[in-house]
């Protein structure tokens, strides 16, 4: 029969492993916060953990998820900078003709093109967002791209090639 150890021993036995996982995902700066969040979550869930569970694997899973949460949280926050650049960042497209051509598309075509071609979503997910079938989303996207080729100069040139 397996016996659950006191939580203090769990932290002692597996703390270094959890910290390595957090550091691998986050680097040394944010790893301590993820480590703490991991053990806080584990402390809450530990009473319900079966006595025969693989505690280390369980903790590593929590640590990975908490580390990913830290990455996602950081990505959502603006980072202050001391000085603004004098000009736009290289690589950011400000093609107003393209945006105007996209804006002129019917709503379903515009959103299908944006979700699939700009957002990279598969047609099944586009269909879930728009309502309808994957085939309908594919058709709306194809119609939108065809309209862009007719109205947007760069696409029109590509369509003839």
Foldseek 3Di string as FASTA:
>chain_A
DFDDDPLVVLCVVQVVVLLVLLCVLPNDPCSVVLSVVLSVVCVVCVVVDDRPDPSNVVSSVSSNVSSVVVVVVVVVDDDDDDDDDPDDDPPDDPPVQLVVLLVPQPPLLSQLLCCCVVVVDQLQVSCVVVPDHSVVSVVSPVVSLVSCLVRPVVSVVVVVD
